[in-house]
C-alpha cells in the first residue's frame, strides 16, 4: 500500500494494528503520510488514544455489563462500515 492508496476508511481499519506496532513498515509509512494531511483521521486517532487511556484505567467491575455490551456493539458496527 502506498500513501496515495490510503483512504480514510482504510485508516479506521488499520489504526488498531498501527497502535500495537503490528503494521508492516510500508503500510505504517503510508498511514502516517495520510495522517499528515487528513485532519479528520488525525482527530480520530487522538480520540482513539484518549479512549484507550481512559478505559485502561477502569477495572472490569466498574463497567456495567449493559454498558460494555453497548460499547462493543458500537465498535463492531464501526468496524463493519
N, C-alpha and C. Protein backbone atom coordinates (compact mmCIF):
# COMPACT_ATOMS: atom_id res chain seq x y z
N UNK A 1 0.85 -1.17 0.00
CA UNK A 1 0.00 0.00 0.00
C UNK A 1 0.90 1.23 0.00
N UNK A 2 0.58 2.18 -0.87
CA UNK A 2 1.34 3.44 -0.83
C UNK A 2 0.44 4.56 -0.33
N UNK A 3 1.04 5.70 -0.07
CA UNK A 3 0.27 6.79 0.58
C UNK A 3 -0.88 7.28 -0.27
N UNK A 4 -0.80 7.15 -1.59
CA UNK A 4 -1.90 7.58 -2.46
C UNK A 4 -3.07 6.61 -2.42
N UNK A 5 -2.82 5.39 -1.95
CA UNK A 5 -3.88 4.39 -1.87
C UNK A 5 -4.65 4.43 -0.55
N UNK A 6 -4.12 5.11 0.45
CA UNK A 6 -4.75 5.13 1.77
C UNK A 6 -5.94 6.09 1.76
N UNK A 7 -7.08 5.55 2.14
CA UNK A 7 -8.29 6.36 2.28
C UNK A 7 -8.70 6.37 3.75
N UNK A 8 -9.56 7.27 4.10
CA UNK A 8 -9.99 7.39 5.49
C UNK A 8 -10.57 6.07 6.00
N UNK A 9 -11.33 5.39 5.19
CA UNK A 9 -11.90 4.10 5.59
C UNK A 9 -10.78 3.11 5.92
N UNK A 10 -9.71 3.14 5.16
CA UNK A 10 -8.56 2.26 5.41
C UNK A 10 -7.93 2.60 6.77
N UNK A 11 -7.84 3.87 7.07
CA UNK A 11 -7.21 4.31 8.32
C UNK A 11 -7.95 3.71 9.51
N UNK A 12 -9.26 3.80 9.50
CA UNK A 12 -10.05 3.26 10.61
C UNK A 12 -9.76 1.77 10.80
N UNK A 13 -9.65 1.05 9.70
CA UNK A 13 -9.39 -0.38 9.78
C UNK A 13 -7.97 -0.71 10.25
N UNK A 14 -7.03 0.20 10.02
CA UNK A 14 -5.62 -0.07 10.32
C UNK A 14 -5.15 0.47 11.67
N UNK A 15 -5.92 1.33 12.30
CA UNK A 15 -5.42 2.02 13.49
C UNK A 15 -5.08 1.10 14.66
N UNK A 16 -5.84 0.06 14.87
CA UNK A 16 -5.52 -0.85 15.97
C UNK A 16 -4.15 -1.48 15.76
N UNK A 17 -3.92 -2.00 14.56
CA UNK A 17 -2.60 -2.58 14.27
C UNK A 17 -1.51 -1.52 14.35
N UNK A 18 -1.81 -0.31 13.91
CA UNK A 18 -0.84 0.79 13.97
C UNK A 18 -0.44 1.07 15.42
N UNK A 19 -1.42 1.18 16.29
CA UNK A 19 -1.14 1.48 17.69
C UNK A 19 -0.41 0.34 18.39
N UNK A 20 -0.63 -0.87 17.93
CA UNK A 20 0.03 -2.04 18.52
C UNK A 20 1.41 -2.29 17.90
N UNK A 21 1.78 -1.49 16.89
CA UNK A 21 3.06 -1.68 16.23
C UNK A 21 3.10 -2.92 15.34
N UNK A 22 1.93 -3.34 14.85
CA UNK A 22 1.84 -4.58 14.10
C UNK A 22 1.72 -4.38 12.58
N UNK A 23 1.78 -3.13 12.11
CA UNK A 23 1.69 -2.89 10.67
C UNK A 23 3.04 -3.11 10.00
N UNK A 24 3.02 -3.68 8.80
CA UNK A 24 4.27 -3.73 8.03
C UNK A 24 4.77 -2.30 7.80
N UNK A 25 6.07 -2.14 7.67
CA UNK A 25 6.69 -0.82 7.56
C UNK A 25 6.06 0.00 6.43
N UNK A 26 5.86 -0.59 5.27
CA UNK A 26 5.29 0.14 4.13
C UNK A 26 3.90 0.67 4.45
N UNK A 27 3.07 -0.15 5.10
CA UNK A 27 1.72 0.29 5.47
C UNK A 27 1.77 1.37 6.54
N UNK A 28 2.68 1.23 7.50
CA UNK A 28 2.80 2.24 8.56
C UNK A 28 3.19 3.59 7.97
N UNK A 29 4.16 3.58 7.06
CA UNK A 29 4.60 4.83 6.45
C UNK A 29 3.47 5.46 5.64
N UNK A 30 2.74 4.65 4.88
CA UNK A 30 1.62 5.17 4.09
C UNK A 30 0.54 5.76 5.00
N UNK A 31 0.25 5.07 6.09
CA UNK A 31 -0.74 5.56 7.05
C UNK A 31 -0.29 6.88 7.66
N UNK A 32 0.97 6.96 8.06
CA UNK A 32 1.48 8.18 8.66
C UNK A 32 1.48 9.35 7.67
N UNK A 33 1.73 9.07 6.41
CA UNK A 33 1.66 10.12 5.39
C UNK A 33 0.23 10.63 5.26
N UNK A 34 -0.74 9.72 5.31
CA UNK A 34 -2.15 10.12 5.25
C UNK A 34 -2.49 10.99 6.45
N UNK A 35 -2.03 10.58 7.62
CA UNK A 35 -2.33 11.34 8.84
C UNK A 35 -1.77 12.76 8.80
N UNK A 36 -0.67 12.95 8.09
CA UNK A 36 -0.09 14.29 7.97
C UNK A 36 -0.99 15.26 7.22
N UNK A 37 -1.86 14.73 6.37
CA UNK A 37 -2.68 15.61 5.53
C UNK A 37 -4.17 15.52 5.81
N UNK A 38 -4.58 14.66 6.73
CA UNK A 38 -6.02 14.47 6.98
C UNK A 38 -6.36 14.79 8.43
N UNK A 39 -6.97 15.94 8.63
CA UNK A 39 -7.33 16.37 9.99
C UNK A 39 -8.35 15.43 10.63
N UNK A 40 -9.28 14.93 9.84
CA UNK A 40 -10.32 14.04 10.36
C UNK A 40 -9.73 12.75 10.93
N UNK A 41 -8.83 12.14 10.19
CA UNK A 41 -8.21 10.89 10.65
C UNK A 41 -7.28 11.15 11.83
N UNK A 42 -6.60 12.28 11.82
CA UNK A 42 -5.73 12.64 12.93
C UNK A 42 -6.56 12.84 14.20
N UNK A 43 -7.71 13.48 14.07
CA UNK A 43 -8.60 13.67 15.22
C UNK A 43 -9.15 12.33 15.71
N UNK A 44 -9.50 11.44 14.77
CA UNK A 44 -10.00 10.12 15.15
C UNK A 44 -8.93 9.34 15.91
N UNK A 45 -7.69 9.41 15.46
CA UNK A 45 -6.59 8.74 16.15
C UNK A 45 -6.43 9.30 17.57
N UNK A 46 -6.52 10.60 17.70
CA UNK A 46 -6.41 11.22 19.03
C UNK A 46 -7.55 10.75 19.94
N UNK A 47 -8.75 10.66 19.40
CA UNK A 47 -9.90 10.17 20.18
C UNK A 47 -9.69 8.73 20.59
N UNK A 48 -9.16 7.93 19.68
CA UNK A 48 -8.91 6.53 19.99
C UNK A 48 -7.87 6.39 21.10
N UNK A 49 -6.81 7.16 21.01
CA UNK A 49 -5.78 7.13 22.05
C UNK A 49 -6.35 7.56 23.41
N UNK A 50 -7.20 8.58 23.41
CA UNK A 50 -7.83 9.04 24.65
C UNK A 50 -8.74 7.95 25.21
N UNK A 51 -9.52 7.33 24.34
CA UNK A 51 -10.41 6.25 24.78
C UNK A 51 -9.64 5.09 25.39
N UNK A 52 -8.53 4.73 24.76
CA UNK A 52 -7.71 3.64 25.27
C UNK A 52 -7.14 4.01 26.64
N UNK A 53 -6.66 5.23 26.77
CA UNK A 53 -6.09 5.68 28.05
C UNK A 53 -7.15 5.68 29.15
N UNK A 54 -8.33 6.17 28.84
CA UNK A 54 -9.38 6.26 29.85
C UNK A 54 -9.93 4.89 30.22
N UNK A 55 -10.18 4.06 29.23
CA UNK A 55 -10.74 2.74 29.54
C UNK A 55 -9.69 1.83 30.18
N UNK A 56 -8.43 2.08 29.88
CA UNK A 56 -7.38 1.28 30.50
C UNK A 56 -7.26 1.53 31.99
N UNK A 57 -7.80 2.65 32.44
CA UNK A 57 -7.75 2.98 33.86
C UNK A 57 -8.92 2.37 34.63
N UNK A 58 -9.87 1.76 33.93
CA UNK A 58 -11.04 1.18 34.57
C UNK A 58 -10.78 -0.27 34.97
N UNK A 59 -11.40 -0.67 36.05
CA UNK A 59 -11.46 -2.09 36.41
C UNK A 59 -12.73 -2.65 35.78
N UNK A 60 -12.69 -3.91 35.40
CA UNK A 60 -13.84 -4.52 34.74
C UNK A 60 -15.10 -4.41 35.61
N UNK A 61 -14.92 -4.48 36.90
CA UNK A 61 -16.07 -4.41 37.82
C UNK A 61 -16.73 -3.02 37.80
N UNK A 62 -16.00 -2.00 37.34
CA UNK A 62 -16.53 -0.64 37.31
C UNK A 62 -17.45 -0.38 36.12
N UNK A 63 -17.46 -1.29 35.16
CA UNK A 63 -18.25 -1.10 33.95
C UNK A 63 -19.46 -2.02 33.99
N UNK A 64 -20.64 -1.41 33.94
CA UNK A 64 -21.87 -2.19 33.94
C UNK A 64 -21.92 -3.08 32.70
N UNK A 65 -22.38 -4.32 32.84
CA UNK A 65 -22.45 -5.23 31.68
C UNK A 65 -23.23 -4.65 30.50
N UNK A 66 -24.32 -3.95 30.76
CA UNK A 66 -25.11 -3.37 29.68
C UNK A 66 -24.31 -2.31 28.93
N UNK A 67 -23.54 -1.53 29.64
CA UNK A 67 -22.70 -0.52 29.00
C UNK A 67 -21.61 -1.17 28.16
N UNK A 68 -20.99 -2.20 28.69
CA UNK A 68 -19.96 -2.92 27.94
C UNK A 68 -20.54 -3.50 26.65
N UNK A 69 -21.73 -4.09 26.73
CA UNK A 69 -22.38 -4.64 25.54
C UNK A 69 -22.66 -3.55 24.50
N UNK A 70 -23.11 -2.39 24.96
CA UNK A 70 -23.40 -1.28 24.05
C UNK A 70 -22.14 -0.77 23.38
N UNK A 71 -21.07 -0.64 24.14
CA UNK A 71 -19.81 -0.16 23.57
C UNK A 71 -19.27 -1.15 22.55
N UNK A 72 -19.31 -2.42 22.88
CA UNK A 72 -18.83 -3.44 21.94
C UNK A 72 -19.67 -3.47 20.67
N UNK A 73 -20.98 -3.28 20.80
CA UNK A 73 -21.85 -3.24 19.62
C UNK A 73 -21.49 -2.06 18.72
N UNK A 74 -21.24 -0.90 19.32
CA UNK A 74 -20.83 0.27 18.53
C UNK A 74 -19.49 0.04 17.84
N UNK A 75 -18.57 -0.57 18.54
CA UNK A 75 -17.26 -0.86 17.96
C UNK A 75 -17.41 -1.80 16.77
N UNK A 76 -18.18 -2.86 16.94
CA UNK A 76 -18.37 -3.82 15.84
C UNK A 76 -19.06 -3.16 14.65
N UNK A 77 -20.03 -2.30 14.93
CA UNK A 77 -20.72 -1.58 13.85
C UNK A 77 -19.74 -0.69 13.12
N UNK A 78 -18.89 0.00 13.83
CA UNK A 78 -17.90 0.90 13.23
C UNK A 78 -16.91 0.13 12.36
N UNK A 79 -16.53 -1.06 12.81
CA UNK A 79 -15.58 -1.88 12.07
C UNK A 79 -16.18 -2.42 10.78
N UNK A 80 -17.49 -2.63 10.75
CA UNK A 80 -18.12 -3.23 9.57
C UNK A 80 -18.48 -2.21 8.51
N UNK A 81 -18.37 -0.92 8.81
CA UNK A 81 -18.71 0.11 7.81
C UNK A 81 -17.51 0.59 7.07
